[in-house]
Amino acid sequence: MEMIKTENVSYSYDVWIKDVKHKREALHGINLDIHKGEFVAILGANGSGKSTLAKHFNVLLQPDEGRVLVNGRSTEDKDAVWEIRSTVGMVFQNPDNQIIGSSVEEDVAFGLENRKVPSCEIRSKVADSLKAVGLFTNRKFSPSKLSGGQKQRVAIAGIIALDSNCIVLDEPTSMLDPLSRKELMDVLVKLHRQGRTIVLITHHTDEAALAERIVIMNNGNVTAEGTPEEIFNKPSVLYDNGLDIPQITELGRALSKRGILRGKCYLKSDELVADVLGSTKDRRFNIMGEAGCNAEDTECDAEDDRDSLLELRKVSFTYGKRTINEKKVLEDIEVKLYPGEFTGLIGSSGAGKTTLIKLMNGLLKPDSGKLLLHNEVLENKKHRLSLLRSKVGLVFQYPEHQLFCKTVLEDVVFGPKHIGMTSEDAEESARKCLQLVGIDEKYFDISPFDLSGGQMRRVAIAGVLAMKPELLILDEPAAGLDPKSKDQMFSLLESLRKENGVSILLVSHDMEDIAKYTDRVLVLHDKKLVADDTPEKVFKHVEMLHTFGLDVPVVTNVLSKLQEGGFPVKRMITVDAAADEVYQVFQERS
């Protein structure tokens, strides 16, 4: 029986352009059945209509045409709204936007209290739901002390407590570190096995591989459906819809082309590793695993004689200093950033990455240590901090937090005007930068809040670029972006670096992006900068990074497991390099 059924559903948003209301169609005649107990992943590029469709499942939106049925009840039936929302629970992208309680158990209890459930029953339901998501021991914690992944699990616990049989999650892992992301996906798989219906909206194809069925959307239409094997075995379908295939599937295809595997569609690393090792059973290999290492093995001790753009010398920072909530976040950080570099910054949630980049931009002042801009010490004076902020641009993790003007163009003009540009120069710079980041002129006069999340992020970047910074710091700029938009984003950053000489500092939880695009990787852990080296050298240390709560590119993990199985490969960080390495070892031992 269907849990959710849509029949010819169409929907349009109202968009205001120069104070005139226009219609922007988001869904076109959607017909989709989601069965009880099914795990469905909905994939699609930014603006494909995924989130709009999901909001119809929970009666957050009503269709302009067609109808939506949940457990056989129409969402148009006003008497059924409470029942439908009790059946279908929603978890959104930003965990901070859905937590309201002062403690974990209080937040989970909120919905039950609003239903006037007896206190003794509330305690029992809260305890059971927190156990289901693995947070019972954290029940007394303040949500502010939790990681992003734990906050998402609190939101899921609140849905479970309400006896919701269906959970719809809209990009729930886009802001999470690798460990938190894995923990959340493990919870979803567990809940599905218990019989709950899971609808996961995601750009991560490796997450979609855990589902029973994948639905692909494009331009408000359902363009493809099938099992993960059926979908991922047809790369052209994914590419045509602005998506890509999981890295493990891509590696399997690359090894098949080299004659090592047999053309199977791989969705799990362990399965691919077992098949590669199985194909070596008649060959003899010498184990050539790389030696273990510690953080010191990856540090760059050699002094670089180049002139730095920005330098931090023994910088430390503490939140809530001299209060009961005092917490040291950074200690004796020493780092230099150079002109024209593309640097990655990684660390688990709570490692201090956001604090560090705020110090670099002057939004926070260090407790001790010094900042140097072009080798000149910056004192904590207003005009010196203004100089720093004009040279160091910062794009935050949530772009909507730095968008506030009435139109897109006004928002991008704001920054350059307030650092002294004339109105004419500021608008010229704004228009140029908006076009540079791929925002069409037709969007200039609409509200930035009428844009998709990916478009808002690009507008936020344009607003910083319009001030012509020398160093551009981006906190998770690709989070929530589809593969095509992500490629466009990084192509833009690369061109800014090569053509305009802008230095880039990328903060990201996506190890594949760090491996693919950066020249240098900084690793933060336990208040310290514990590694500073090339991606190739940093990601060789799989075990070390795992102890820091970090991951490595999928292919690096695969090669590490092959080493453990006695297959003498070196650890690589890209698909082609990994496939070539495996092929070369086969050739040498043939």
Protein backbone atom coordinates (compact mmCIF):
# COMPACT_ATOMS: atom_id res chain seq x y z
CA MET A 1 0.00 0.00 0.00
CA GLU A 2 1.19 3.52 -0.77
CA MET A 3 2.41 5.69 2.08
CA ILE A 4 2.52 8.70 -0.28
CA LYS A 5 0.88 9.05 -3.68
CA THR A 6 1.04 12.10 -5.94
CA GLU A 7 -1.34 12.45 -8.87
CA ASN A 8 -0.46 15.00 -11.59
CA VAL A 9 0.91 17.45 -9.02
CA SER A 10 1.93 20.88 -10.32
CA TYR A 11 3.06 23.87 -8.28
CA SER A 12 4.32 27.42 -8.94
CA TYR A 13 5.98 29.95 -6.64
CA ASP A 14 5.17 33.64 -6.54
CA VAL A 15 8.27 35.66 -7.41
CA TRP A 16 8.42 39.45 -7.15
CA ILE A 17 10.40 41.31 -9.82
CA LYS A 18 10.43 45.10 -9.51
CA ASP A 19 7.31 44.91 -7.30
CA VAL A 20 5.44 42.89 -9.92
CA LYS A 21 4.34 39.34 -9.03
CA HIS A 22 5.30 36.58 -11.44
CA LYS A 23 4.81 32.80 -11.39
CA ARG A 24 7.76 30.40 -11.42
CA GLU A 25 6.71 26.81 -12.07
CA ALA A 26 8.51 24.29 -9.83
CA LEU A 27 6.58 21.03 -10.40
CA HIS A 28 4.97 19.76 -13.61
CA GLY A 29 2.42 16.94 -13.33
CA ILE A 30 4.33 14.73 -10.88
CA ASN A 31 3.07 11.15 -10.53
CA LEU A 32 4.91 9.22 -7.84
CA ASP A 33 4.12 6.36 -5.46
CA ILE A 34 6.12 5.71 -2.28
CA HIS A 35 5.18 2.46 -0.58
CA LYS A 36 4.99 1.79 3.14
CA GLY A 37 8.32 0.65 4.55
CA GLU A 38 10.23 1.71 1.43
CA PHE A 39 13.55 3.60 1.41
CA VAL A 40 13.45 6.06 -1.50
CA ALA A 41 16.17 8.53 -2.46
CA ILE A 42 15.22 11.54 -4.56
CA LEU A 43 18.11 12.94 -6.60
CA GLY A 44 18.22 16.03 -8.75
CA ALA A 45 20.16 19.18 -9.56
CA ASN A 46 19.56 22.47 -7.75
CA GLY A 47 16.16 23.84 -8.72
CA SER A 48 14.89 20.47 -9.97
CA GLY A 49 11.91 20.60 -7.56
CA LYS A 50 13.02 18.02 -4.96
CA SER A 51 12.47 20.19 -1.87
CA THR A 52 9.22 21.59 -3.25
CA LEU A 53 7.90 18.07 -3.77
CA ALA A 54 8.96 17.01 -0.27
CA LYS A 55 7.06 19.91 1.30
CA HIS A 56 3.89 18.61 -0.35
CA PHE A 57 4.28 15.32 1.53
CA ASN A 58 3.96 17.13 4.88
CA VAL A 59 1.29 19.68 3.81
CA LEU A 60 3.79 22.52 4.05
CA LEU A 61 2.67 23.24 0.48
CA GLN A 62 -0.54 22.47 -1.39
CA PRO A 63 -0.52 21.66 -5.13
CA ASP A 64 -1.93 24.15 -7.63
CA GLU A 65 -3.12 21.18 -9.64
CA GLY A 66 -3.44 17.47 -8.89
CA ARG A 67 -3.50 15.96 -5.42
CA VAL A 68 -1.31 14.32 -2.79
CA LEU A 69 -2.50 11.35 -0.72
CA VAL A 70 -0.82 10.27 2.53
CA ASN A 71 -2.05 6.96 3.90
CA GLY A 72 -5.05 7.40 1.64
CA ARG A 73 -5.94 10.85 3.04
CA SER A 74 -5.84 13.87 0.76
CA THR A 75 -3.67 16.80 1.88
CA GLU A 76 -6.52 19.06 0.72
CA ASP A 77 -8.71 17.67 3.51
CA LYS A 78 -8.30 20.21 6.34
CA ASP A 79 -9.48 17.64 8.87
CA ALA A 80 -6.62 15.33 7.84
CA VAL A 81 -3.73 17.83 8.16
CA TRP A 82 -2.89 16.96 11.77
CA GLU A 83 -2.98 13.24 11.01
CA ILE A 84 -0.80 13.64 7.90
CA ARG A 85 1.80 15.73 9.71
CA SER A 86 1.84 13.14 12.48
CA THR A 87 2.44 10.44 9.87
CA VAL A 88 5.10 12.25 7.84
CA GLY A 89 7.89 13.96 9.78
CA MET A 90 10.30 16.42 8.12
CA VAL A 91 14.02 16.90 8.81
CA PHE A 92 15.59 19.92 7.12
CA GLN A 93 19.07 20.80 5.87
CA ASN A 94 20.21 23.10 8.68
CA PRO A 95 19.96 21.34 12.07
CA ASP A 96 20.14 24.65 13.97
CA ASN A 97 16.84 25.76 12.42
CA GLN A 98 14.83 22.92 13.97
CA ILE A 99 16.14 22.68 17.54
CA ILE A 100 14.26 24.74 20.13
CA GLY A 101 14.65 22.97 23.49
CA SER A 102 17.24 23.88 26.14
CA SER A 103 18.10 20.19 26.51
CA VAL A 104 17.98 17.21 24.17
CA GLU A 105 15.13 15.47 25.99
CA GLU A 106 13.17 18.73 26.24
CA ASP A 107 13.43 19.24 22.49
CA VAL A 108 12.27 15.69 21.72
CA ALA A 109 9.38 16.10 24.19
CA PHE A 110 8.16 19.35 22.61
CA GLY A 111 5.83 17.77 20.05
CA LEU A 112 4.41 15.33 22.59
CA GLU A 113 3.67 18.13 25.04
CA ASN A 114 1.80 20.01 22.33
CA ARG A 115 -0.33 16.93 21.83
CA LYS A 116 -1.06 16.88 25.56
CA VAL A 117 0.42 13.40 25.98
CA PRO A 118 0.56 12.36 29.70
CA SER A 119 3.92 13.05 31.38
CA CYS A 120 4.69 9.41 32.17
CA GLU A 121 4.09 8.47 28.54
CA ILE A 122 6.25 11.38 27.35
CA ARG A 123 9.19 10.19 29.43
CA SER A 124 8.89 6.69 28.01
CA LYS A 125 8.57 7.84 24.37
CA VAL A 126 11.46 10.31 24.68
CA ALA A 127 13.72 7.63 26.17
CA ASP A 128 12.79 5.08 23.48
CA SER A 129 13.28 7.52 20.60
CA LEU A 130 16.66 8.73 21.90
CA LYS A 131 17.80 5.13 22.28
CA ALA A 132 16.74 4.49 18.68
CA VAL A 133 19.10 7.23 17.42
CA GLY A 134 21.88 6.50 19.92
CA LEU A 135 21.56 9.68 22.00
CA PHE A 136 20.02 8.47 25.25
CA THR A 137 23.22 9.17 27.21
CA ASN A 138 23.16 12.75 25.86
CA ARG A 139 19.58 13.44 26.93
CA LYS A 140 20.56 16.10 29.51
CA PHE A 141 22.95 17.90 27.14
CA SER A 142 22.24 21.34 25.71
CA PRO A 143 21.72 21.01 21.92
CA SER A 144 24.30 23.78 21.47
CA LYS A 145 26.94 21.34 22.75
CA LEU A 146 26.12 18.74 20.08
CA SER A 147 27.69 18.23 16.67
CA GLY A 148 25.65 18.85 13.52
CA GLY A 149 25.07 15.12 13.07
CA GLN A 150 23.86 14.75 16.64
CA LYS A 151 21.44 17.65 16.15
CA GLN A 152 20.00 15.95 13.08
CA ARG A 153 19.55 12.78 15.13
CA VAL A 154 17.73 14.82 17.80
CA ALA A 155 15.36 16.06 15.09
CA ILE A 156 14.78 12.46 13.94
CA ALA A 157 14.18 11.39 17.56
CA GLY A 158 11.46 14.03 17.85
CA ILE A 159 9.76 12.54 14.79
CA ILE A 160 10.06 9.00 16.12
CA ALA A 161 8.58 10.08 19.46
CA LEU A 162 5.47 11.27 17.61
CA ASP A 163 5.08 7.77 16.12
CA SER A 164 5.65 9.09 12.60
CA ASN A 165 5.81 6.14 10.22
CA CYS A 166 7.46 8.14 7.46
CA ILE A 167 10.53 10.38 7.71
CA VAL A 168 11.34 12.83 4.90
CA LEU A 169 14.84 14.29 5.04
CA ASP A 170 15.86 17.25 2.87
CA GLU A 171 19.66 17.26 2.37
CA PRO A 172 20.23 16.33 6.04
CA THR A 173 23.97 15.63 5.67
CA SER A 174 25.08 18.55 3.50
CA MET A 175 26.58 20.46 6.46
CA LEU A 176 28.00 17.45 8.35
CA ASP A 177 31.53 16.14 8.77
CA PRO A 178 32.24 12.61 7.46
CA LEU A 179 31.83 10.87 10.83
CA SER A 180 28.52 12.63 11.60
CA ARG A 181 27.29 11.90 8.10
CA LYS A 182 28.03 8.18 8.46
CA GLU A 183 26.36 8.05 11.89
CA LEU A 184 23.22 9.67 10.51
CA MET A 185 23.03 7.33 7.52
CA ASP A 186 23.49 4.34 9.84
CA VAL A 187 20.49 5.57 11.86
CA LEU A 188 18.36 5.86 8.69
CA VAL A 189 19.26 2.34 7.58
CA LYS A 190 18.41 1.04 11.06
CA LEU A 191 15.03 2.84 11.10
CA HIS A 192 14.22 1.49 7.65
CA ARG A 193 14.94 -2.04 8.81
CA GLN A 194 12.50 -1.45 11.65
CA GLY A 195 9.77 -0.80 9.07
CA ARG A 196 9.70 2.99 8.75
CA THR A 197 9.34 4.67 5.38
CA ILE A 198 12.37 6.81 4.55
CA VAL A 199 12.42 9.50 1.85
CA LEU A 200 15.90 10.97 1.47
CA ILE A 201 16.52 14.04 -0.68
CA THR A 202 20.23 14.27 -1.40
CA HIS A 203 22.96 15.22 -3.85
CA HIS A 204 25.24 12.51 -2.47
CA THR A 205 24.96 9.54 -4.80
CA ASP A 206 26.77 7.31 -2.30
CA GLU A 207 23.93 7.99 0.17
CA ALA A 208 21.35 7.22 -2.52
CA ALA A 209 23.07 3.86 -3.03
CA LEU A 210 21.71 2.79 0.39
CA ALA A 211 18.11 3.19 -0.79
CA GLU A 212 15.88 0.55 -2.35
CA ARG A 213 14.74 2.88 -5.13
CA ILE A 214 16.07 6.10 -6.65
CA VAL A 215 13.88 8.78 -8.20
CA ILE A 216 15.59 11.41 -10.38
CA MET A 217 14.04 14.84 -10.92
CA ASN A 218 14.90 17.55 -13.42
CA ASN A 219 13.11 20.84 -14.14
CA GLY A 220 10.10 19.86 -12.04
CA ASN A 221 9.66 16.45 -13.66
CA VAL A 222 10.44 12.86 -12.67
CA THR A 223 12.89 11.78 -15.36
CA ALA A 224 14.05 8.35 -14.15
CA GLU A 225 13.31 5.70 -11.51
CA GLY A 226 14.95 2.42 -10.60
CA THR A 227 17.08 0.49 -8.16
CA PRO A 228 20.55 1.92 -7.36
CA GLU A 229 22.10 -0.74 -9.60
CA GLU A 230 19.82 0.19 -12.50
CA ILE A 231 20.40 3.92 -12.11
CA PHE A 232 24.15 3.91 -11.48
CA ASN A 233 24.76 1.45 -14.31
CA LYS A 234 23.58 4.16 -16.73
CA PRO A 235 25.96 7.10 -16.22
CA SER A 236 24.47 8.97 -19.16
CA VAL A 237 21.12 9.21 -17.33
CA LEU A 238 22.88 10.77 -14.34
CA TYR A 239 25.01 13.13 -16.41
CA ASP A 240 22.00 14.28 -18.46
CA ASN A 241 20.29 15.26 -15.20
CA GLY A 242 23.26 17.18 -13.79
CA LEU A 243 24.37 14.35 -11.47
CA ASP A 244 27.35 12.04 -11.18
CA ILE A 245 27.96 8.46 -10.08
CA PRO A 246 29.38 7.36 -6.69
CA GLN A 247 33.17 7.34 -6.62
CA ILE A 248 33.22 3.62 -5.79
CA THR A 249 31.07 2.91 -8.88
CA GLU A 250 33.36 5.11 -10.96
CA LEU A 251 36.42 3.21 -9.70
CA GLY A 252 34.73 -0.12 -10.52
CA ARG A 253 34.07 1.06 -14.08
CA ALA A 254 37.67 2.28 -14.44
CA LEU A 255 39.03 -1.10 -13.27
CA SER A 256 36.64 -2.92 -15.62
CA LYS A 257 37.94 -0.87 -18.56
CA ARG A 258 41.45 -2.00 -17.60
CA GLY A 259 40.35 -5.65 -17.61
CA ILE A 260 40.74 -6.20 -13.86
CA LEU A 261 37.03 -6.48 -12.98
CA ARG A 262 34.07 -7.73 -15.01
CA GLY A 263 31.79 -4.75 -15.56
CA LYS A 264 29.72 -5.14 -12.40
CA CYS A 265 28.03 -2.06 -10.87
CA TYR A 266 29.73 -1.57 -7.50
CA LEU A 267 27.93 0.28 -4.71
CA LYS A 268 30.03 -0.81 -1.71
CA SER A 269 33.79 -0.56 -1.16
CA ASP A 270 34.07 -3.93 0.57
CA GLU A 271 32.51 -5.69 -2.42
CA LEU A 272 34.96 -4.12 -4.85
CA VAL A 273 37.94 -4.86 -2.58
CA ALA A 274 36.86 -8.51 -2.26
CA ASP A 275 36.58 -8.88 -6.04
CA VAL A 276 39.98 -7.30 -6.69
CA LEU A 277 41.61 -9.51 -4.06
CA GLY A 278 39.70 -12.52 -5.45
CA SER A 279 41.15 -11.89 -8.90
CA THR A 280 44.65 -12.09 -7.40
CA LYS A 281 44.25 -15.52 -5.80
CA ASP A 282 46.37 -17.20 -8.47
CA ARG A 283 49.07 -14.53 -8.26
CA ARG A 284 51.74 -14.06 -5.60
CA PHE A 285 52.24 -10.60 -4.11
CA ASN A 286 54.63 -9.26 -1.52
CA ILE A 287 52.95 -7.11 1.11
CA MET A 288 54.21 -3.58 0.64
CA GLY A 289 51.95 -1.64 2.98
CA GLU A 290 53.02 1.84 3.94
CA ALA A 291 54.34 2.35 7.44
CA GLY A 292 52.13 3.81 10.11
CA CYS A 293 52.56 7.46 10.92
CA ASN A 294 51.57 10.19 13.28
CA ALA A 295 50.68 13.81 12.83
CA GLU A 296 54.29 14.94 12.96
CA ASP A 297 55.06 12.94 9.80
CA THR A 298 52.99 15.32 7.70
CA GLU A 299 54.04 18.64 9.13
CA CYS A 300 56.02 20.99 6.92
CA ASP A 301 59.07 22.01 8.91
CA ALA A 302 60.98 23.58 6.05
CA GLU A 303 60.79 27.36 6.12
CA ASP A 304 59.21 28.89 3.02
CA ASP A 305 61.10 32.01 1.96
CA ARG A 306 58.19 33.48 -0.03
CA ASP A 307 56.46 36.60 1.25
CA SER A 308 53.19 35.59 2.87
CA LEU A 309 49.82 37.18 2.22
CA LEU A 310 48.46 36.40 5.70
CA GLU A 311 50.29 34.96 8.68
CA LEU A 312 49.18 33.81 12.12
CA ARG A 313 51.87 33.64 14.82
CA LYS A 314 51.12 31.62 17.95
CA VAL A 315 47.44 32.61 17.82
CA SER A 316 45.15 31.28 20.56
CA PHE A 317 41.45 31.86 21.18
CA THR A 318 39.02 31.04 24.01
CA TYR A 319 35.25 31.41 24.07
CA GLY A 320 33.61 32.66 27.28
CA LYS A 321 36.90 33.71 28.80
CA ARG A 322 36.80 34.04 32.59
CA THR A 323 33.28 32.56 32.77
CA ILE A 324 32.02 29.13 33.84
CA ASN A 325 31.58 28.31 30.15
CA GLU A 326 35.20 29.09 29.24
CA LYS A 327 36.42 26.89 26.42
CA LYS A 328 39.77 27.12 24.63
CA VAL A 329 39.26 26.41 20.94
CA LEU A 330 42.63 27.23 19.35
CA GLU A 331 46.12 27.10 20.83
CA ASP A 332 49.39 28.45 19.40
CA ILE A 333 48.30 28.30 15.76
CA GLU A 334 51.10 29.13 13.35
CA VAL A 335 50.36 29.23 9.64
CA LYS A 336 51.22 31.26 6.56
CA LEU A 337 49.01 31.67 3.50
CA TYR A 338 50.68 32.71 0.26
CA PRO A 339 49.50 34.60 -2.83
CA GLY A 340 47.90 32.43 -5.50
CA GLU A 341 47.55 29.32 -3.32
CA PHE A 342 44.53 27.02 -3.19
CA THR A 343 44.57 25.68 0.37
CA GLY A 344 42.16 23.27 2.07
CA LEU A 345 41.27 23.34 5.76
CA ILE A 346 39.79 20.18 7.29
CA GLY A 347 38.85 19.02 10.77
CA SER A 348 35.94 17.33 12.51
CA SER A 349 32.97 19.33 13.81
CA GLY A 350 34.12 21.44 16.75
CA ALA A 351 37.79 21.37 15.72
CA GLY A 352 37.88 25.18 15.47
CA LYS A 353 37.79 25.71 11.69
CA THR A 354 35.12 28.42 11.73
CA THR A 355 36.81 30.17 14.66
CA LEU A 356 40.13 30.14 12.78
CA ILE A 357 38.72 31.72 9.63
CA LYS A 358 36.89 34.38 11.68
CA LEU A 359 40.24 35.28 13.21
CA MET A 360 41.75 35.52 9.74
CA ASN A 361 39.01 37.96 8.71
CA GLY A 362 39.11 40.04 11.90
CA LEU A 363 35.62 39.07 13.04
CA LEU A 364 37.26 37.66 16.17
CA LYS A 365 40.35 38.96 17.95
CA PRO A 366 42.93 36.49 19.28
CA ASP A 367 43.57 36.15 23.01
CA SER A 368 47.27 35.99 22.22
CA GLY A 369 49.50 35.91 19.19
CA LYS A 370 49.65 38.15 16.14
CA LEU A 371 48.16 38.48 12.68
CA LEU A 372 50.34 39.80 9.87
CA LEU A 373 49.07 41.09 6.51
CA HIS A 374 51.85 41.26 3.90
CA ASN A 375 54.37 40.86 6.75
CA GLU A 376 52.99 43.84 8.69
CA VAL A 377 51.58 43.23 12.16
CA LEU A 378 47.89 44.11 12.45
CA GLU A 379 47.01 45.85 15.68
CA ASN A 380 43.47 45.75 17.05
CA LYS A 381 42.57 49.16 15.69
CA LYS A 382 39.41 49.82 13.73
CA HIS A 383 41.12 51.10 10.57
CA ARG A 384 43.56 48.18 10.56
CA LEU A 385 40.75 45.63 10.94
CA SER A 386 38.86 47.35 8.11
CA LEU A 387 41.95 46.92 5.94
CA LEU A 388 42.11 43.22 6.85
CA ARG A 389 38.45 42.66 5.99
CA SER A 390 38.84 44.41 2.63
CA LYS A 391 41.75 42.10 1.76
CA VAL A 392 40.32 38.89 3.24
CA GLY A 393 36.82 38.00 2.01
CA LEU A 394 34.76 35.46 3.94
CA VAL A 395 31.78 33.47 2.64
CA PHE A 396 29.96 31.68 5.44
CA GLN A 397 28.56 28.18 5.57
CA TYR A 398 24.95 29.40 5.41
CA PRO A 399 24.75 32.02 2.63
CA GLU A 400 21.31 33.22 3.72
CA HIS A 401 22.98 34.60 6.86
CA GLN A 402 24.81 37.24 4.83
CA LEU A 403 22.06 38.16 2.37
CA PHE A 404 19.69 40.89 3.51
CA CYS A 405 18.89 43.43 0.77
CA LYS A 406 15.70 43.74 -1.23
CA THR A 407 17.19 42.56 -4.53
CA VAL A 408 20.13 40.45 -5.62
CA LEU A 409 21.93 43.40 -7.21
CA GLU A 410 21.49 45.64 -4.16
CA ASP A 411 22.90 42.91 -1.95
CA VAL A 412 26.07 42.53 -4.02
CA VAL A 413 26.51 46.32 -4.36
CA PHE A 414 26.34 46.80 -0.57
CA GLY A 415 29.87 45.57 0.24
CA PRO A 416 31.87 47.51 -2.34
CA LYS A 417 29.99 50.72 -1.53
CA HIS A 418 30.87 50.37 2.15
CA ILE A 419 34.60 50.00 1.49
CA GLY A 420 34.68 53.28 -0.41
CA MET A 421 33.77 52.52 -4.03
CA THR A 422 31.56 55.02 -5.85
CA SER A 423 28.01 53.90 -6.58
CA GLU A 424 28.87 53.51 -10.27
CA ASP A 425 32.01 51.46 -9.63
CA ALA A 426 30.23 49.34 -7.00
CA GLU A 427 27.39 48.48 -9.39
CA GLU A 428 29.81 47.73 -12.21
CA SER A 429 31.79 45.41 -9.94
CA ALA A 430 28.58 43.77 -8.67
CA ARG A 431 27.23 43.09 -12.16
CA LYS A 432 30.55 41.68 -13.31
CA CYS A 433 30.86 39.38 -10.29
CA LEU A 434 27.26 38.15 -10.51
CA GLN A 435 27.84 37.17 -14.12
CA LEU A 436 31.16 35.63 -13.11
CA VAL A 437 29.46 33.28 -10.61
CA GLY A 438 26.76 32.31 -13.11
CA ILE A 439 23.81 34.43 -11.95
CA ASP A 440 21.85 35.51 -15.00
CA GLU A 441 20.80 39.16 -15.29
CA LYS A 442 17.14 38.12 -15.09
CA TYR A 443 17.69 37.42 -11.38
CA PHE A 444 19.28 40.79 -10.54
CA ASP A 445 16.01 42.47 -9.58
CA ILE A 446 14.43 39.68 -7.53
CA SER A 447 14.80 39.01 -3.83
CA PRO A 448 17.81 36.82 -2.99
CA PHE A 449 15.46 34.78 -0.79
CA ASP A 450 13.49 33.70 -3.85
CA LEU A 451 16.57 31.88 -5.13
CA SER A 452 17.56 28.26 -4.56
CA GLY A 453 20.17 27.46 -1.91
CA GLY A 454 22.85 27.03 -4.56
CA GLN A 455 22.00 30.34 -6.19
CA MET A 456 22.05 32.13 -2.83
CA ARG A 457 25.52 30.76 -2.19
CA ARG A 458 26.74 32.11 -5.52
CA VAL A 459 25.22 35.53 -4.79
CA ALA A 460 26.98 35.55 -1.41
CA ILE A 461 30.28 34.76 -3.14
CA ALA A 462 29.66 37.51 -5.69
CA GLY A 463 29.08 39.97 -2.83
CA VAL A 464 32.50 39.18 -1.42
CA LEU A 465 34.25 39.11 -4.81
CA ALA A 466 32.84 42.52 -5.67
CA MET A 467 35.06 43.96 -2.91
CA LYS A 468 38.12 42.59 -4.77
CA PRO A 469 39.75 40.61 -1.94
CA GLU A 470 43.25 39.13 -2.18
CA LEU A 471 42.29 36.09 -0.10
CA LEU A 472 38.89 34.44 -0.43
CA ILE A 473 37.87 32.12 2.43
CA LEU A 474 34.89 29.84 1.80
CA ASP A 475 33.23 27.75 4.49
CA GLU A 476 31.61 24.72 2.80
CA PRO A 477 30.86 26.58 -0.46
CA ALA A 478 29.73 23.41 -2.27
CA ALA A 479 27.41 22.11 0.47
CA GLY A 480 23.98 21.44 -1.02
CA LEU A 481 25.16 21.96 -4.60
CA ASP A 482 24.51 19.42 -7.32
CA PRO A 483 27.59 18.04 -9.16
CA LYS A 484 27.24 20.37 -12.14
CA SER A 485 26.91 23.45 -9.93
CA LYS A 486 29.81 22.22 -7.82
CA ASP A 487 32.03 21.86 -10.90
CA GLN A 488 31.04 25.37 -11.97
CA MET A 489 31.85 26.67 -8.49
CA PHE A 490 35.33 25.17 -8.45
CA SER A 491 36.00 26.22 -12.04
CA LEU A 492 35.17 29.75 -10.94
CA LEU A 493 37.51 29.53 -7.95
CA GLU A 494 40.30 28.12 -10.11
CA SER A 495 39.91 30.92 -12.66
CA LEU A 496 39.92 33.54 -9.89
CA ARG A 497 43.17 32.10 -8.66
CA LYS A 498 44.88 31.79 -12.05
CA GLU A 499 43.55 34.89 -13.80
CA ASN A 500 43.07 37.33 -10.90
CA GLY A 501 45.70 36.01 -8.48
CA VAL A 502 43.16 35.51 -5.69
CA SER A 503 44.28 33.10 -2.97
CA ILE A 504 41.66 30.54 -1.92
CA LEU A 505 41.16 28.92 1.48
CA LEU A 506 38.53 26.18 1.25
CA VAL A 507 36.93 24.79 4.42
CA SER A 508 35.21 21.53 3.58
CA HIS A 509 34.06 18.15 4.89
CA ASP A 510 34.18 16.72 1.37
CA MET A 511 37.51 14.92 1.12
CA GLU A 512 37.06 14.29 -2.62
CA ASP A 513 36.83 18.05 -3.23
CA ILE A 514 39.88 18.71 -1.06
CA ALA A 515 41.86 16.02 -2.88
CA LYS A 516 40.80 17.17 -6.34
CA TYR A 517 41.17 20.94 -6.09
CA THR A 518 43.64 22.02 -3.41
CA ASP A 519 47.43 22.26 -3.50
CA ARG A 520 47.88 22.16 0.25
CA VAL A 521 45.87 20.80 3.19
CA LEU A 522 45.77 22.09 6.78
CA VAL A 523 44.39 19.72 9.43
CA LEU A 524 42.95 21.03 12.72
CA HIS A 525 42.51 18.71 15.68
CA ASP A 526 42.25 19.24 19.42
CA LYS A 527 42.97 23.00 19.23
CA LYS A 528 46.15 22.46 17.20
CA LEU A 529 47.23 22.60 13.58
CA VAL A 530 48.43 18.99 13.36
CA ALA A 531 49.24 18.68 9.66
CA ASP A 532 50.20 20.95 6.78
CA ASP A 533 51.18 19.26 3.53
CA THR A 534 50.08 18.32 0.03
CA PRO A 535 46.81 16.36 -0.35
CA GLU A 536 48.75 13.33 -1.59
CA LYS A 537 50.85 13.20 1.57
CA VAL A 538 48.09 14.08 4.05
CA PHE A 539 45.61 11.51 2.71
CA LYS A 540 48.17 8.71 2.80
CA HIS A 541 47.71 8.72 6.57
CA VAL A 542 44.30 7.04 6.64
CA GLU A 543 44.55 5.70 10.18
CA MET A 544 45.68 9.05 11.60
CA LEU A 545 42.82 10.93 9.96
CA HIS A 546 40.30 8.36 11.17
CA THR A 547 41.47 8.96 14.77
CA PHE A 548 40.75 12.67 14.17
CA GLY A 549 37.15 11.88 13.16
CA LEU A 550 37.98 12.57 9.51
CA ASP A 551 37.77 10.48 6.38
CA VAL A 552 39.80 10.21 3.19
CA PRO A 553 38.64 10.02 -0.44
CA VAL A 554 36.73 6.80 -1.17
CA VAL A 555 39.44 5.52 -3.52
CA THR A 556 42.10 6.06 -0.86
CA ASN A 557 40.09 3.96 1.56
CA VAL A 558 39.79 1.23 -1.08
CA LEU A 559 43.54 1.15 -1.70
CA SER A 560 44.15 1.09 2.05
CA LYS A 561 41.91 -1.98 2.36
CA LEU A 562 43.70 -3.62 -0.56
CA GLN A 563 46.99 -3.06 1.26
CA GLU A 564 45.53 -4.72 4.35
CA GLY A 565 44.60 -7.68 2.15
CA GLY A 566 48.20 -8.05 0.98
CA PHE A 567 47.88 -6.22 -2.36
CA PRO A 568 50.96 -3.95 -2.67
CA VAL A 569 49.45 -0.70 -3.95
CA LYS A 570 50.33 2.85 -3.00
CA ARG A 571 47.58 5.09 -1.66
CA MET A 572 46.20 7.47 -4.29
CA ILE A 573 43.55 10.19 -4.02
CA THR A 574 41.79 10.24 -7.42
CA VAL A 575 39.90 7.58 -9.38
CA ASP A 576 42.20 7.53 -12.41
CA ALA A 577 45.36 7.45 -10.28
CA ALA A 578 43.92 4.62 -8.15
CA ALA A 579 42.87 2.57 -11.19
CA ASP A 580 46.28 3.09 -12.82
CA GLU A 581 48.01 2.02 -9.61
CA VAL A 582 46.02 -1.22 -9.35
CA TYR A 583 46.56 -1.93 -13.05
CA GLN A 584 50.30 -1.29 -12.76
CA VAL A 585 50.66 -3.71 -9.85
CA PHE A 586 48.80 -6.37 -11.86
CA GLN A 587 51.08 -5.80 -14.84
CA GLU A 588 54.25 -5.94 -12.76
CA ARG A 589 53.21 -9.20 -11.08
CA SER A 590 51.82 -10.92 -14.21
